Amino acid sequence: MHRKMSRYSQNFLINSKIADFIVEKADLSSKDVVLEIGPGKGILTSRLLKKCKVYAVEIDRALCEYLSIFFQKEIKEGRLSIICGNALKVDFPKFTKVVANIPYHISSPLIFKILGHDFEKGILMLQHEFAERLCAGPGSKKYGRLSVMMYYNGEARILKRVKKGNFRPVPKVDSAIVEIYKSPRFCADESTLEWVVRKIFEQRRKKIKNILGDVPYGDKRAEELTPEEICKVAEYVNRVRG
């Protein structure tokens, strides 16, 4: 399910119960349009098509051909469209929900590309360690830049840990199923927020004042600040810059 760097090799999900769980949590109706990223051999695609229309984005041309043959009936009926290309580069069609099997090396940019679109809900398969960082809150060792930027784009929570033995070939690490909702929260200028978050977490052992100078919460370290407090720092920096 997760692609490796070399030649798009994949670890395919083989546990049908987990596939059923993912589709169940997507809470689909016939009115939904699902964007599926990384369909692989179609274990999820076949289940999604029983519920609604699907756009499937697949980078591997050999798998695109396989899916085109296997689902030729659904394609002819207009219920499935296969987009053969890199999910980071192709234009996404309009969709209401997203089901994505995200390769680790592009997890962050792909998640934020998805969050740049309007949709109701997402169910993502991610490597477990990355999922923990995405969903972490203040005080957690996993809390960092990714956690804060996720907070200002929406909400994320881990639904289930998926052991590596549920894939073939077996990957080196476990995965996690993550539920996301897009619910943007306004904070300062977006580029300023991103800059502040990056700066303070790059030097997370230092106090904020030793990184940014005279700013709110200067005596604290990045990991001690809530996303709202980081927002106040970013808004202060934005005012001073402006």
Protein backbone atom coordinates (compact mmCIF):
# COMPACT_ATOMS: atom_id res chain seq x y z
CA MET A 1 0.00 0.00 0.00
CA HIS A 2 2.83 2.38 0.80
CA ARG A 3 5.20 2.92 -2.09
CA LYS A 4 8.93 2.71 -1.76
CA MET A 5 11.24 5.11 -3.54
CA SER A 6 12.41 2.61 -6.17
CA ARG A 7 10.13 1.97 -9.10
CA TYR A 8 6.88 2.56 -7.20
CA SER A 9 7.05 -0.85 -5.49
CA GLN A 10 4.09 -1.22 -3.17
CA ASN A 11 3.02 -3.06 -0.06
CA PHE A 12 -0.50 -4.21 -0.87
CA LEU A 13 -3.18 -4.47 1.79
CA ILE A 14 -4.38 -8.09 2.00
CA ASN A 15 -6.74 -7.90 4.99
CA SER A 16 -10.30 -7.50 3.72
CA LYS A 17 -11.56 -6.60 7.21
CA ILE A 18 -9.32 -3.53 7.27
CA ALA A 19 -10.51 -2.56 3.80
CA ASP A 20 -14.10 -2.87 5.04
CA PHE A 21 -13.23 -0.75 8.10
CA ILE A 22 -11.79 2.04 5.93
CA VAL A 23 -14.87 2.17 3.69
CA GLU A 24 -17.20 2.04 6.70
CA LYS A 25 -15.41 5.00 8.34
CA ALA A 26 -15.67 7.00 5.11
CA ASP A 27 -19.45 7.02 5.74
CA LEU A 28 -20.38 7.05 2.05
CA SER A 29 -23.66 7.67 0.28
CA SER A 30 -24.63 7.50 -3.39
CA LYS A 31 -24.23 11.30 -3.58
CA ASP A 32 -20.55 11.17 -2.64
CA VAL A 33 -17.65 11.45 -5.05
CA VAL A 34 -14.50 9.82 -3.69
CA LEU A 35 -10.96 10.74 -4.61
CA GLU A 36 -8.91 7.59 -4.07
CA ILE A 37 -5.14 8.08 -4.09
CA GLY A 38 -3.04 4.95 -4.50
CA PRO A 39 -5.65 2.32 -5.48
CA GLY A 40 -2.98 -0.34 -6.08
CA LYS A 41 -4.76 -3.53 -7.13
CA GLY A 42 -8.19 -2.18 -6.20
CA ILE A 43 -9.00 -3.79 -2.84
CA LEU A 44 -10.58 -0.50 -1.70
CA THR A 45 -11.72 0.61 -5.15
CA SER A 46 -14.08 -2.34 -5.51
CA ARG A 47 -15.69 -1.56 -2.16
CA LEU A 48 -15.93 2.18 -2.82
CA LEU A 49 -17.65 1.58 -6.17
CA LYS A 50 -20.48 -0.24 -4.40
CA LYS A 51 -21.25 3.06 -2.67
CA CYS A 52 -20.49 5.93 -5.06
CA LYS A 53 -18.50 7.40 -7.95
CA VAL A 54 -14.71 7.17 -7.69
CA TYR A 55 -11.73 9.04 -9.15
CA ALA A 56 -8.62 6.87 -8.65
CA VAL A 57 -5.16 8.45 -8.92
CA GLU A 58 -2.38 5.92 -9.58
CA ILE A 59 1.24 6.68 -10.49
CA ASP A 60 2.20 3.18 -11.69
CA ARG A 61 1.28 2.76 -15.36
CA ALA A 62 1.24 -1.03 -15.11
CA LEU A 63 -1.35 -0.78 -12.33
CA CYS A 64 -3.33 1.79 -14.33
CA GLU A 65 -3.60 -0.76 -17.14
CA TYR A 66 -4.56 -3.52 -14.71
CA LEU A 67 -7.27 -1.37 -13.11
CA SER A 68 -8.58 -0.30 -16.54
CA ILE A 69 -9.12 -3.93 -17.46
CA PHE A 70 -10.37 -5.16 -14.10
CA PHE A 71 -12.89 -2.31 -13.74
CA GLN A 72 -13.74 -1.81 -17.42
CA LYS A 73 -17.48 -2.20 -16.74
CA GLU A 74 -17.46 0.51 -14.04
CA ILE A 75 -15.39 2.79 -16.27
CA LYS A 76 -17.82 2.38 -19.19
CA GLU A 77 -20.71 3.16 -16.87
CA GLY A 78 -18.98 6.37 -15.75
CA ARG A 79 -18.70 5.28 -12.13
CA LEU A 80 -14.89 5.09 -12.15
CA SER A 81 -12.28 7.36 -13.69
CA ILE A 82 -8.62 6.44 -13.48
CA ILE A 83 -6.12 9.29 -13.40
CA CYS A 84 -2.70 7.87 -14.21
CA GLY A 85 -0.09 10.22 -12.80
CA ASN A 86 1.74 11.62 -9.79
CA ALA A 87 -0.76 12.75 -7.14
CA LEU A 88 1.47 15.71 -6.31
CA LYS A 89 1.35 16.95 -9.91
CA VAL A 90 -2.07 16.08 -11.33
CA ASP A 91 -5.11 18.33 -10.94
CA PHE A 92 -7.66 16.81 -8.60
CA PRO A 93 -11.31 16.75 -9.75
CA LYS A 94 -14.03 17.92 -7.39
CA PHE A 95 -14.68 15.38 -4.65
CA THR A 96 -16.63 15.15 -1.40
CA LYS A 97 -14.43 12.61 0.37
CA VAL A 98 -10.91 11.28 0.00
CA VAL A 99 -9.45 7.85 0.68
CA ALA A 100 -5.67 7.89 0.34
CA ASN A 101 -2.85 5.40 0.74
CA ILE A 102 -0.02 7.86 1.11
CA PRO A 103 3.64 7.00 0.45
CA TYR A 104 5.77 8.08 3.41
CA HIS A 105 8.21 10.24 1.44
CA ILE A 106 5.43 12.51 0.15
CA SER A 107 3.05 12.31 3.13
CA SER A 108 3.31 15.93 4.23
CA PRO A 109 3.04 17.71 0.84
CA LEU A 110 0.26 15.39 -0.31
CA ILE A 111 -1.81 15.90 2.83
CA PHE A 112 -1.56 19.67 2.50
CA LYS A 113 -2.40 19.48 -1.20
CA ILE A 114 -5.53 17.55 -0.23
CA LEU A 115 -6.33 20.14 2.45
CA GLY A 116 -6.18 22.82 -0.23
CA HIS A 117 -9.45 21.46 -1.62
CA ASP A 118 -12.99 21.61 -0.26
CA PHE A 119 -14.24 18.25 0.99
CA GLU A 120 -16.20 16.73 3.86
CA LYS A 121 -13.99 13.97 5.19
CA GLY A 122 -10.82 11.99 4.55
CA ILE A 123 -9.63 8.53 5.58
CA LEU A 124 -5.88 8.21 5.12
CA MET A 125 -3.49 5.29 5.50
CA LEU A 126 -0.17 6.60 6.80
CA GLN A 127 2.93 5.20 8.40
CA HIS A 128 2.20 5.04 12.13
CA GLU A 129 5.01 7.31 13.29
CA PHE A 130 3.97 10.00 10.82
CA ALA A 131 0.33 9.65 11.87
CA GLU A 132 1.33 10.21 15.50
CA ARG A 133 3.15 13.41 14.57
CA LEU A 134 0.22 14.63 12.49
CA CYS A 135 -2.24 14.12 15.35
CA ALA A 136 -0.04 15.07 18.32
CA GLY A 137 -0.95 17.78 20.82
CA PRO A 138 1.16 20.06 23.05
CA GLY A 139 3.25 18.20 25.60
CA SER A 140 3.69 15.14 23.41
CA LYS A 141 7.15 14.22 22.18
CA LYS A 142 5.61 13.86 18.72
CA TYR A 143 4.20 17.41 18.77
CA GLY A 144 5.86 19.64 16.22
CA ARG A 145 5.61 21.62 13.02
CA LEU A 146 3.38 19.06 11.30
CA SER A 147 0.95 18.95 14.26
CA VAL A 148 0.54 22.74 14.36
CA MET A 149 0.06 23.17 10.62
CA MET A 150 -2.51 20.34 10.63
CA TYR A 151 -4.37 22.14 13.44
CA TYR A 152 -4.66 25.29 11.32
CA ASN A 153 -5.94 23.35 8.32
CA GLY A 154 -8.31 20.92 9.99
CA GLU A 155 -8.69 18.10 12.49
CA ALA A 156 -6.99 14.69 12.49
CA ARG A 157 -7.22 11.62 14.70
CA ILE A 158 -5.93 8.06 14.56
CA LEU A 159 -8.70 5.48 14.17
CA LYS A 160 -6.69 2.27 14.09
CA ARG A 161 -3.14 0.98 14.07
CA VAL A 162 -2.51 -1.46 11.21
CA LYS A 163 0.22 -4.03 11.79
CA LYS A 164 2.76 -4.48 9.01
CA GLY A 165 1.76 -8.14 8.59
CA ASN A 166 -1.45 -6.97 6.89
CA PHE A 167 0.52 -6.05 3.76
CA ARG A 168 2.40 -7.98 1.09
CA PRO A 169 5.31 -7.59 0.72
CA VAL A 170 5.58 -6.92 4.46
CA PRO A 171 6.84 -3.34 5.11
CA LYS A 172 9.34 -2.49 7.84
CA VAL A 173 6.90 -0.49 9.97
CA ASP A 174 3.25 -0.41 11.04
CA SER A 175 0.70 1.92 9.50
CA ALA A 176 -2.30 3.81 10.88
CA ILE A 177 -5.71 4.79 9.58
CA VAL A 178 -6.30 8.50 10.16
CA GLU A 179 -9.54 10.44 9.89
CA ILE A 180 -9.31 14.08 8.81
CA TYR A 181 -11.79 16.91 8.50
CA LYS A 182 -11.04 20.20 6.85
CA SER A 183 -11.86 23.06 9.22
CA PRO A 184 -9.43 25.94 8.64
CA ARG A 185 -8.65 28.25 11.54
CA PHE A 186 -7.47 31.75 10.71
CA CYS A 187 -4.13 32.88 12.08
CA ALA A 188 -2.09 35.84 10.90
CA ASP A 189 -0.67 35.66 7.42
CA GLU A 190 -0.28 32.04 6.32
CA SER A 191 3.31 32.50 5.16
CA THR A 192 4.20 34.19 8.47
CA LEU A 193 2.62 31.36 10.46
CA GLU A 194 4.54 28.77 8.44
CA TRP A 195 7.79 30.71 8.91
CA VAL A 196 7.33 31.05 12.68
CA VAL A 197 6.37 27.40 13.13
CA ARG A 198 9.36 26.23 11.11
CA LYS A 199 11.82 28.50 12.95
CA ILE A 200 10.76 27.61 16.49
CA PHE A 201 10.57 23.85 15.91
CA GLU A 202 13.90 23.75 14.09
CA GLN A 203 15.39 24.89 17.40
CA ARG A 204 12.84 23.37 19.75
CA ARG A 205 15.28 23.16 22.69
CA LYS A 206 15.75 26.93 22.70
CA LYS A 207 13.41 29.46 24.31
CA ILE A 208 11.32 31.40 21.83
CA LYS A 209 12.97 34.72 22.72
CA ASN A 210 16.36 33.31 21.75
CA ILE A 211 15.02 32.52 18.30
CA LEU A 212 12.62 35.35 17.50
CA GLY A 213 13.56 38.05 20.02
CA ASP A 214 10.97 39.98 22.03
CA VAL A 215 7.73 38.11 21.31
CA PRO A 216 4.85 36.77 23.42
CA TYR A 217 5.65 33.60 25.39
CA GLY A 218 9.35 34.25 24.86
CA ASP A 219 10.36 32.30 27.98
CA LYS A 220 8.76 29.11 26.68
CA ARG A 221 9.98 26.54 24.17
CA ALA A 222 8.06 25.59 21.04
CA GLU A 223 6.82 22.26 22.39
CA GLU A 224 5.33 24.04 25.41
CA LEU A 225 3.10 26.30 23.32
CA THR A 226 -0.42 25.46 22.21
CA PRO A 227 -1.29 26.13 18.56
CA GLU A 228 -3.29 29.18 19.74
CA GLU A 229 -0.25 30.58 21.57
CA ILE A 230 1.92 29.99 18.52
CA CYS A 231 -0.70 31.90 16.55
CA LYS A 232 -0.31 34.87 18.90
CA VAL A 233 3.45 34.77 18.33
CA ALA A 234 2.90 34.69 14.56
CA GLU A 235 0.38 37.56 14.69
CA TYR A 236 2.87 39.62 16.72
CA VAL A 237 5.63 38.90 14.21
CA ASN A 238 3.27 39.78 11.36
CA ARG A 239 2.42 43.15 12.95
CA VAL A 240 6.08 43.97 13.57
CA ARG A 241 7.01 43.01 10.01
CA GLY A 242 4.10 44.96 8.59
